[in-house]
Amino acid sequence: MLVVFATVPGRAGDRLDVRDWLARPGVKLVVVEFYATWCKPCMAAIPRWKALHDKYRAQGLRLVVVNTQDPGGQCAAPGWTPDDMVCDLHGAVAGSFGAKKLPAAYLWSWQGKLLSSGGHVEDVEKAV
């Protein structure tokens, strides 16, 4: 499964193009992590995401965080600086990936092969 492009209706800047990320120079792996501030496991995983990103960023790991369906239209940062952040207030991007429950993470190799689908941070750590 390679989600090429997902756009949130009514918000022109809120899009996610995995193929674009994979084509960037130096990128070897792309992670898309879906989370929300009301999701306790999502928030508990933040230190592990930051550590994974810090450890492998120089080797080509890129992490795109999608804040989805947060109450009151909030699009809060995850408490650290991923490579990109997408606001998905209505869940359109999550829906296009098939992310039915949170947290949900997807990992692709630079060849476009899906290595982990809908898992948690530990699944991505193992695949990396």
N, C-alpha and C. Protein backbone atom coordinates (compact mmCIF):
# COMPACT_ATOMS: atom_id res chain seq x y z
N MET A 1 0.84 -1.17 0.00
CA MET A 1 0.00 0.00 0.00
C MET A 1 0.89 1.23 0.00
N LEU A 2 0.79 2.05 -1.01
CA LEU A 2 1.50 3.31 -1.06
C LEU A 2 0.49 4.41 -1.27
N VAL A 3 0.26 5.19 -0.21
CA VAL A 3 -0.64 6.32 -0.33
C VAL A 3 0.15 7.42 -0.99
N VAL A 4 -0.24 7.76 -2.19
CA VAL A 4 0.50 8.74 -2.96
C VAL A 4 0.22 10.14 -2.45
N PHE A 5 -1.03 10.44 -2.21
CA PHE A 5 -1.38 11.81 -1.89
C PHE A 5 -2.70 11.81 -1.13
N ALA A 6 -2.75 12.53 -0.05
CA ALA A 6 -4.00 12.69 0.70
C ALA A 6 -4.15 14.14 1.07
N THR A 7 -5.31 14.69 0.89
CA THR A 7 -5.57 16.08 1.20
C THR A 7 -6.77 16.19 2.12
N VAL A 8 -6.69 17.11 3.06
CA VAL A 8 -7.80 17.37 3.96
C VAL A 8 -8.68 18.43 3.32
N PRO A 9 -9.99 18.14 3.12
CA PRO A 9 -10.87 19.12 2.48
C PRO A 9 -10.89 20.45 3.24
N GLY A 10 -10.79 21.53 2.50
CA GLY A 10 -10.92 22.85 3.08
C GLY A 10 -9.64 23.41 3.69
N ARG A 11 -8.58 22.65 3.68
CA ARG A 11 -7.32 23.14 4.24
C ARG A 11 -6.21 22.83 3.24
N ALA A 12 -5.89 23.80 2.42
CA ALA A 12 -4.98 23.58 1.30
C ALA A 12 -3.60 23.08 1.72
N GLY A 13 -3.09 23.49 2.87
CA GLY A 13 -1.76 23.09 3.27
C GLY A 13 -1.68 21.72 3.93
N ASP A 14 -2.80 21.14 4.24
CA ASP A 14 -2.82 19.87 4.96
C ASP A 14 -2.89 18.71 4.00
N ARG A 15 -1.72 18.25 3.59
CA ARG A 15 -1.65 17.14 2.65
C ARG A 15 -0.44 16.29 3.00
N LEU A 16 -0.43 15.12 2.47
CA LEU A 16 0.66 14.20 2.72
C LEU A 16 0.94 13.43 1.44
N ASP A 17 2.14 13.60 0.91
CA ASP A 17 2.55 12.93 -0.32
C ASP A 17 3.74 12.04 0.01
N VAL A 18 3.49 10.76 0.27
CA VAL A 18 4.54 9.83 0.66
C VAL A 18 5.54 9.65 -0.47
N ARG A 19 5.07 9.59 -1.69
CA ARG A 19 5.97 9.41 -2.83
C ARG A 19 6.97 10.57 -2.90
N ASP A 20 6.51 11.78 -2.62
CA ASP A 20 7.40 12.94 -2.59
C ASP A 20 8.47 12.77 -1.52
N TRP A 21 8.08 12.33 -0.35
CA TRP A 21 9.05 12.10 0.72
C TRP A 21 10.08 11.06 0.32
N LEU A 22 9.64 9.98 -0.29
CA LEU A 22 10.55 8.90 -0.68
C LEU A 22 11.53 9.32 -1.77
N ALA A 23 11.15 10.30 -2.57
CA ALA A 23 12.00 10.76 -3.68
C ALA A 23 13.04 11.80 -3.25
N ARG A 24 12.97 12.26 -2.03
CA ARG A 24 13.91 13.30 -1.59
C ARG A 24 15.31 12.72 -1.40
N PRO A 25 16.33 13.51 -1.72
CA PRO A 25 17.71 13.04 -1.57
C PRO A 25 18.02 12.63 -0.13
N GLY A 26 18.70 11.51 0.02
CA GLY A 26 19.13 11.04 1.32
C GLY A 26 18.09 10.28 2.13
N VAL A 27 16.85 10.22 1.64
CA VAL A 27 15.79 9.54 2.38
C VAL A 27 15.85 8.03 2.10
N LYS A 28 15.93 7.26 3.17
CA LYS A 28 15.96 5.79 3.07
C LYS A 28 14.69 5.15 3.61
N LEU A 29 14.10 5.76 4.64
CA LEU A 29 12.88 5.25 5.26
C LEU A 29 11.97 6.43 5.59
N VAL A 30 10.66 6.24 5.41
CA VAL A 30 9.69 7.26 5.78
C VAL A 30 8.66 6.62 6.71
N VAL A 31 8.47 7.26 7.86
CA VAL A 31 7.45 6.84 8.82
C VAL A 31 6.35 7.89 8.81
N VAL A 32 5.11 7.42 8.77
CA VAL A 32 3.95 8.29 8.98
C VAL A 32 3.28 7.81 10.24
N GLU A 33 3.22 8.69 11.25
CA GLU A 33 2.65 8.35 12.55
C GLU A 33 1.39 9.17 12.76
N PHE A 34 0.27 8.49 13.00
CA PHE A 34 -1.00 9.15 13.30
C PHE A 34 -1.19 9.17 14.81
N TYR A 35 -1.53 10.35 15.35
CA TYR A 35 -1.74 10.47 16.79
C TYR A 35 -2.74 11.58 17.07
N ALA A 36 -3.19 11.63 18.31
CA ALA A 36 -4.06 12.70 18.80
C ALA A 36 -3.70 12.94 20.26
N THR A 37 -3.92 14.16 20.73
CA THR A 37 -3.55 14.47 22.11
C THR A 37 -4.43 13.74 23.13
N TRP A 38 -5.64 13.31 22.73
CA TRP A 38 -6.52 12.58 23.64
C TRP A 38 -6.15 11.10 23.74
N CYS A 39 -5.25 10.64 22.88
CA CYS A 39 -4.85 9.23 22.82
C CYS A 39 -3.67 9.00 23.78
N LYS A 40 -3.94 8.36 24.91
CA LYS A 40 -2.89 8.15 25.92
C LYS A 40 -1.71 7.33 25.40
N PRO A 41 -1.94 6.21 24.67
CA PRO A 41 -0.78 5.48 24.13
C PRO A 41 0.03 6.32 23.13
N CYS A 42 -0.66 7.20 22.40
CA CYS A 42 0.04 8.08 21.46
C CYS A 42 1.00 9.01 22.21
N MET A 43 0.48 9.62 23.24
CA MET A 43 1.28 10.57 24.00
C MET A 43 2.40 9.85 24.76
N ALA A 44 2.14 8.65 25.24
CA ALA A 44 3.17 7.88 25.95
C ALA A 44 4.32 7.47 25.03
N ALA A 45 4.04 7.35 23.75
CA ALA A 45 5.06 6.91 22.78
C ALA A 45 5.97 8.04 22.30
N ILE A 46 5.65 9.28 22.62
CA ILE A 46 6.43 10.42 22.11
C ILE A 46 7.93 10.29 22.42
N PRO A 47 8.35 9.95 23.63
CA PRO A 47 9.80 9.84 23.88
C PRO A 47 10.47 8.77 23.00
N ARG A 48 9.76 7.69 22.73
CA ARG A 48 10.33 6.63 21.89
C ARG A 48 10.44 7.08 20.44
N TRP A 49 9.43 7.83 19.94
CA TRP A 49 9.51 8.37 18.58
C TRP A 49 10.68 9.32 18.45
N LYS A 50 10.83 10.20 19.44
CA LYS A 50 11.92 11.16 19.40
C LYS A 50 13.27 10.44 19.41
N ALA A 51 13.42 9.44 20.25
CA ALA A 51 14.68 8.69 20.33
C ALA A 51 14.97 7.96 19.01
N LEU A 52 13.95 7.34 18.42
CA LEU A 52 14.12 6.65 17.14
C LEU A 52 14.54 7.63 16.05
N HIS A 53 13.87 8.76 16.00
CA HIS A 53 14.17 9.79 15.02
C HIS A 53 15.59 10.31 15.22
N ASP A 54 15.96 10.61 16.45
CA ASP A 54 17.31 11.10 16.74
C ASP A 54 18.38 10.08 16.34
N LYS A 55 18.10 8.82 16.59
CA LYS A 55 19.08 7.76 16.33
C LYS A 55 19.31 7.53 14.84
N TYR A 56 18.25 7.58 14.03
CA TYR A 56 18.36 7.18 12.62
C TYR A 56 18.18 8.30 11.60
N ARG A 57 17.97 9.51 12.03
CA ARG A 57 17.74 10.59 11.07
C ARG A 57 18.94 10.77 10.15
N ALA A 58 20.15 10.73 10.69
CA ALA A 58 21.35 10.90 9.87
C ALA A 58 21.53 9.79 8.84
N GLN A 59 20.91 8.63 9.09
CA GLN A 59 20.98 7.51 8.15
C GLN A 59 19.83 7.53 7.14
N GLY A 60 18.96 8.55 7.20
CA GLY A 60 17.92 8.68 6.19
C GLY A 60 16.50 8.41 6.64
N LEU A 61 16.26 8.26 7.94
CA LEU A 61 14.90 8.07 8.45
C LEU A 61 14.20 9.43 8.53
N ARG A 62 13.01 9.50 7.96
CA ARG A 62 12.19 10.72 8.06
C ARG A 62 10.88 10.36 8.73
N LEU A 63 10.42 11.24 9.60
CA LEU A 63 9.20 10.99 10.37
C LEU A 63 8.21 12.11 10.13
N VAL A 64 7.05 11.74 9.61
CA VAL A 64 5.96 12.68 9.38
C VAL A 64 4.86 12.33 10.38
N VAL A 65 4.48 13.31 11.18
CA VAL A 65 3.48 13.10 12.23
C VAL A 65 2.16 13.73 11.76
N VAL A 66 1.08 12.96 11.87
CA VAL A 66 -0.24 13.44 11.48
C VAL A 66 -1.10 13.54 12.72
N ASN A 67 -1.45 14.77 13.09
CA ASN A 67 -2.34 15.02 14.22
C ASN A 67 -3.76 14.90 13.67
N THR A 68 -4.50 13.91 14.12
CA THR A 68 -5.80 13.64 13.53
C THR A 68 -6.93 13.72 14.54
N GLN A 69 -8.00 14.35 14.15
CA GLN A 69 -9.26 14.38 14.88
C GLN A 69 -9.13 14.84 16.33
N ASP A 70 -8.32 15.86 16.55
CA ASP A 70 -8.22 16.42 17.90
C ASP A 70 -9.42 17.31 18.16
N PRO A 71 -9.93 17.30 19.39
CA PRO A 71 -11.13 18.08 19.71
C PRO A 71 -10.90 19.58 19.58
N GLY A 72 -11.95 20.28 19.22
CA GLY A 72 -11.89 21.73 19.15
C GLY A 72 -11.03 22.29 18.05
N GLY A 73 -10.69 21.46 17.05
CA GLY A 73 -9.88 21.94 15.94
C GLY A 73 -8.44 22.21 16.30
N GLN A 74 -7.97 21.64 17.39
CA GLN A 74 -6.57 21.82 17.79
C GLN A 74 -5.67 20.99 16.89
N CYS A 75 -4.51 21.50 16.64
CA CYS A 75 -3.51 20.73 15.90
C CYS A 75 -2.19 20.94 16.64
N ALA A 76 -2.11 20.29 17.77
CA ALA A 76 -0.98 20.49 18.66
C ALA A 76 0.26 19.73 18.19
N ALA A 77 1.39 20.35 18.37
CA ALA A 77 2.66 19.69 18.07
C ALA A 77 2.86 18.56 19.07
N PRO A 78 3.58 17.51 18.67
CA PRO A 78 3.74 16.35 19.54
C PRO A 78 4.74 16.53 20.68
N GLY A 79 5.28 17.72 20.87
CA GLY A 79 6.22 17.94 21.97
C GLY A 79 7.67 17.79 21.55
N TRP A 80 7.92 17.62 20.26
CA TRP A 80 9.27 17.56 19.70
C TRP A 80 9.15 17.91 18.22
N THR A 81 10.24 17.88 17.50
CA THR A 81 10.23 18.35 16.12
C THR A 81 10.45 17.21 15.13
N PRO A 82 9.37 16.63 14.58
CA PRO A 82 9.51 15.64 13.51
C PRO A 82 9.90 16.35 12.22
N ASP A 83 10.08 15.60 11.15
CA ASP A 83 10.45 16.21 9.86
C ASP A 83 9.31 17.01 9.27
N ASP A 84 8.08 16.62 9.55
CA ASP A 84 6.92 17.37 9.08
C ASP A 84 5.74 17.01 9.97
N MET A 85 4.77 17.91 9.99
CA MET A 85 3.55 17.66 10.73
C MET A 85 2.37 18.04 9.86
N VAL A 86 1.37 17.17 9.82
CA VAL A 86 0.17 17.39 9.03
C VAL A 86 -1.02 17.47 9.98
N CYS A 87 -1.86 18.48 9.79
CA CYS A 87 -3.10 18.60 10.56
C CYS A 87 -4.21 17.89 9.78
N ASP A 88 -4.86 16.98 10.43
CA ASP A 88 -5.92 16.17 9.81
C ASP A 88 -7.16 16.25 10.70
N LEU A 89 -7.71 17.45 10.78
CA LEU A 89 -8.79 17.71 11.74
C LEU A 89 -10.02 16.84 11.55
N HIS A 90 -10.32 16.46 10.31
CA HIS A 90 -11.53 15.69 10.05
C HIS A 90 -11.27 14.21 9.78
N GLY A 91 -10.01 13.79 9.83
CA GLY A 91 -9.68 12.38 9.66
C GLY A 91 -9.58 11.91 8.23
N ALA A 92 -9.55 12.81 7.26
CA ALA A 92 -9.47 12.40 5.85
C ALA A 92 -8.15 11.71 5.52
N VAL A 93 -7.05 12.25 6.03
CA VAL A 93 -5.75 11.64 5.76
C VAL A 93 -5.68 10.28 6.44
N ALA A 94 -6.09 10.21 7.71
CA ALA A 94 -6.11 8.93 8.43
C ALA A 94 -6.96 7.91 7.68
N GLY A 95 -8.11 8.34 7.21
CA GLY A 95 -8.99 7.45 6.46
C GLY A 95 -8.36 6.94 5.18
N SER A 96 -7.61 7.81 4.49
CA SER A 96 -6.98 7.38 3.24
C SER A 96 -5.89 6.35 3.47
N PHE A 97 -5.32 6.33 4.67
CA PHE A 97 -4.31 5.34 5.02
C PHE A 97 -4.93 4.08 5.62
N GLY A 98 -6.18 4.15 6.01
CA GLY A 98 -6.82 3.03 6.68
C GLY A 98 -6.50 2.99 8.16
N ALA A 99 -6.09 4.13 8.73
CA ALA A 99 -5.78 4.21 10.15
C ALA A 99 -7.08 4.34 10.93
N LYS A 100 -7.61 3.22 11.37
CA LYS A 100 -8.91 3.19 12.03
C LYS A 100 -8.82 3.41 13.54
N LYS A 101 -7.66 3.09 14.14
CA LYS A 101 -7.48 3.32 15.56
C LYS A 101 -6.10 3.92 15.79
N LEU A 102 -5.97 4.61 16.91
CA LEU A 102 -4.71 5.28 17.22
C LEU A 102 -4.03 4.62 18.41
N PRO A 103 -2.72 4.69 18.45
CA PRO A 103 -1.83 5.20 17.43
C PRO A 103 -1.72 4.24 16.26
N ALA A 104 -1.31 4.77 15.12
CA ALA A 104 -1.11 3.95 13.92
C ALA A 104 0.09 4.51 13.17
N ALA A 105 1.04 3.64 12.87
CA ALA A 105 2.25 4.06 12.17
C ALA A 105 2.48 3.20 10.95
N TYR A 106 3.01 3.82 9.91
CA TYR A 106 3.31 3.16 8.64
C TYR A 106 4.75 3.48 8.28
N LEU A 107 5.47 2.48 7.79
CA LEU A 107 6.88 2.65 7.45
C LEU A 107 7.13 2.15 6.04
N TRP A 108 7.77 2.98 5.22
CA TRP A 108 8.13 2.62 3.85
C TRP A 108 9.63 2.69 3.66
N SER A 109 10.15 1.78 2.82
CA SER A 109 11.54 1.86 2.39
C SER A 109 11.62 2.84 1.22
N TRP A 110 12.83 3.26 0.88
CA TRP A 110 13.00 4.21 -0.21
C TRP A 110 12.51 3.65 -1.55
N GLN A 111 12.40 2.31 -1.67
CA GLN A 111 11.87 1.70 -2.88
C GLN A 111 10.35 1.71 -2.93
N GLY A 112 9.70 2.18 -1.87
CA GLY A 112 8.25 2.24 -1.82
C GLY A 112 7.61 1.01 -1.21
N LYS A 113 8.41 0.11 -0.66
CA LYS A 113 7.88 -1.10 -0.04
C LYS A 113 7.38 -0.77 1.37
N LEU A 114 6.13 -1.16 1.65
CA LEU A 114 5.55 -0.96 2.97
C LEU A 114 6.12 -2.02 3.92
N LEU A 115 6.83 -1.56 4.94
CA LEU A 115 7.50 -2.46 5.88
C LEU A 115 6.72 -2.68 7.17
N SER A 116 5.87 -1.72 7.53
CA SER A 116 5.04 -1.83 8.73
C SER A 116 3.76 -1.05 8.48
N SER A 117 2.63 -1.63 8.85
CA SER A 117 1.34 -1.02 8.53
C SER A 117 0.42 -0.97 9.75
N GLY A 118 0.06 0.24 10.15
CA GLY A 118 -0.91 0.42 11.23
C GLY A 118 -0.43 0.01 12.60
N GLY A 119 0.88 -0.15 12.75
CA GLY A 119 1.43 -0.61 14.01
C GLY A 119 1.70 0.52 14.99
N HIS A 120 2.47 0.18 15.99
CA HIS A 120 2.86 1.12 17.03
C HIS A 120 4.35 1.39 16.91
N VAL A 121 4.89 2.23 17.75
CA VAL A 121 6.29 2.60 17.67
C VAL A 121 7.20 1.37 17.78
N GLU A 122 6.84 0.40 18.59
CA GLU A 122 7.68 -0.80 18.72
C GLU A 122 7.74 -1.60 17.42
N ASP A 123 6.67 -1.60 16.65
CA ASP A 123 6.67 -2.30 15.36
C ASP A 123 7.62 -1.61 14.38
N VAL A 124 7.62 -0.29 14.38
CA VAL A 124 8.49 0.46 13.51
C VAL A 124 9.94 0.29 13.97
N GLU A 125 10.19 0.32 15.26
CA GLU A 125 11.55 0.12 15.78
C GLU A 125 12.11 -1.21 15.30
N LYS A 126 11.31 -2.27 15.38
CA LYS A 126 11.75 -3.60 14.94
C LYS A 126 12.04 -3.61 13.44
N ALA A 127 11.20 -2.97 12.65
CA ALA A 127 11.36 -2.96 11.20
C ALA A 127 12.57 -2.13 10.75
N VAL A 128 12.87 -1.07 11.50
CA VAL A 128 14.02 -0.23 11.16
C VAL A 128 15.28 -1.03 11.41
